[in-house]
Amino acid sequence: MDPIKSSSINHINHANLEKNRNAEKNGFQKTLKTLISQVDQQIKDAGQKTEEFAIGKRYNLHEIMIATEKSGISFKFLLQIRNKLLEAYQEIMRMNF
């Protein structure tokens, strides 16, 4: 059995670390983009239902209110995420290195 060289282990660890960093970055970025697009779609759907109701199409008032409230809550949640990210960024900028 050949002894394992430490340089090969370091290379493997470095490669795994870079792979994990890229996966975490892409995972967070992808999650954030997905969340934004879902909230945007909810807002558009609520607006469309409101317009259709106004011209006398198929929706009941309670369906419109539910869709509007869901989109409003989702938007407030997204706004809170933005605020927390902004606070974290500002805190990092205040740090002295």
Protein backbone atom coordinates (compact mmCIF):
# COMPACT_ATOMS: atom_id res chain seq x y z
CA MET A 1 0.00 0.00 0.00
CA ASP A 2 1.35 3.41 -0.97
CA PRO A 3 1.46 6.14 1.65
CA ILE A 4 -0.85 9.07 1.00
CA LYS A 5 0.99 12.24 0.18
CA SER A 6 -0.09 15.33 2.08
CA SER A 7 0.05 17.48 -1.06
CA SER A 8 -2.58 15.33 -2.76
CA ILE A 9 -4.83 15.58 0.33
CA ASN A 10 -4.43 19.37 0.39
CA HIS A 11 -5.31 19.55 -3.30
CA ILE A 12 -8.45 17.46 -2.75
CA ASN A 13 -9.50 19.53 0.28
CA HIS A 14 -8.94 22.79 -1.62
CA ALA A 15 -10.97 21.52 -4.58
CA ASN A 16 -13.83 20.43 -2.31
CA LEU A 17 -13.77 23.75 -0.48
CA GLU A 18 -14.03 25.71 -3.75
CA LYS A 19 -16.82 23.43 -4.95
CA ASN A 20 -18.76 23.95 -1.70
CA ARG A 21 -18.30 27.72 -1.87
CA ASN A 22 -19.62 27.83 -5.43
CA ALA A 23 -22.58 25.59 -4.51
CA GLU A 24 -23.45 27.79 -1.52
CA LYS A 25 -23.20 30.95 -3.60
CA ASN A 26 -25.28 29.57 -6.43
CA GLY A 27 -27.74 28.05 -3.97
CA PHE A 28 -28.39 31.33 -2.16
CA GLN A 29 -28.45 33.36 -5.34
CA LYS A 30 -30.78 30.89 -7.03
CA THR A 31 -33.06 30.77 -3.98
CA LEU A 32 -33.25 34.56 -3.83
CA LYS A 33 -34.02 34.85 -7.54
CA THR A 34 -36.70 32.18 -7.24
CA LEU A 35 -38.28 33.97 -4.29
CA ILE A 36 -38.31 37.29 -6.12
CA SER A 37 -39.89 35.76 -9.22
CA GLN A 38 -42.54 33.99 -7.12
CA VAL A 39 -43.49 37.20 -5.33
CA ASP A 40 -43.58 39.06 -8.63
CA GLN A 41 -45.86 36.40 -10.10
CA GLN A 42 -48.20 36.58 -7.08
CA ILE A 43 -48.48 40.35 -7.45
CA LYS A 44 -49.18 40.04 -11.18
CA ASP A 45 -51.81 37.34 -10.59
CA ALA A 46 -53.57 39.43 -7.95
CA GLY A 47 -53.58 42.43 -10.29
CA GLN A 48 -54.94 40.34 -13.14
CA LYS A 49 -57.71 38.91 -10.95
CA THR A 50 -58.63 42.42 -9.81
CA GLU A 51 -58.81 43.67 -13.40
CA GLU A 52 -60.90 40.70 -14.50
CA PHE A 53 -63.27 41.21 -11.58
CA ALA A 54 -63.63 44.89 -12.44
CA ILE A 55 -64.80 44.05 -15.97
CA GLY A 56 -67.17 41.36 -14.70
CA LYS A 57 -65.29 38.15 -15.37
CA ARG A 58 -65.17 34.96 -13.37
CA TYR A 59 -63.66 35.76 -9.93
CA ASN A 60 -65.44 36.13 -6.61
CA LEU A 61 -64.50 38.98 -4.33
CA HIS A 62 -63.10 36.64 -1.66
CA GLU A 63 -60.70 35.05 -4.18
CA ILE A 64 -59.39 38.47 -5.11
CA MET A 65 -58.95 39.50 -1.48
CA ILE A 66 -57.08 36.29 -0.68
CA ALA A 67 -54.77 36.70 -3.69
CA THR A 68 -54.15 40.36 -2.83
CA GLU A 69 -53.37 39.60 0.81
CA LYS A 70 -51.06 36.70 -0.13
CA SER A 71 -49.13 38.92 -2.52
CA GLY A 72 -48.96 41.70 0.08
CA ILE A 73 -47.63 39.37 2.79
CA SER A 74 -45.11 37.87 0.36
CA PHE A 75 -43.91 41.32 -0.63
CA LYS A 76 -43.49 42.38 3.02
CA PHE A 77 -41.51 39.18 3.66
CA LEU A 78 -39.26 39.92 0.68
CA LEU A 79 -38.79 43.47 1.92
CA GLN A 80 -37.70 42.17 5.34
CA ILE A 81 -35.16 39.88 3.68
CA ARG A 82 -33.79 42.87 1.77
CA ASN A 83 -33.59 44.90 4.98
CA LYS A 84 -31.70 42.13 6.80
CA LEU A 85 -29.26 41.73 3.91
CA LEU A 86 -28.70 45.49 3.83
CA GLU A 87 -28.11 45.57 7.59
CA ALA A 88 -25.61 42.72 7.30
CA TYR A 89 -23.79 44.51 4.46
CA GLN A 90 -23.65 47.75 6.46
CA GLU A 91 -22.33 45.90 9.50
CA ILE A 92 -19.58 44.31 7.40
CA MET A 93 -18.67 47.72 5.97
CA ARG A 94 -18.33 49.14 9.50
CA MET A 95 -15.84 46.45 10.52
CA ASN A 96 -12.21 47.40 10.71
CA PHE A 97 -9.86 44.86 9.26
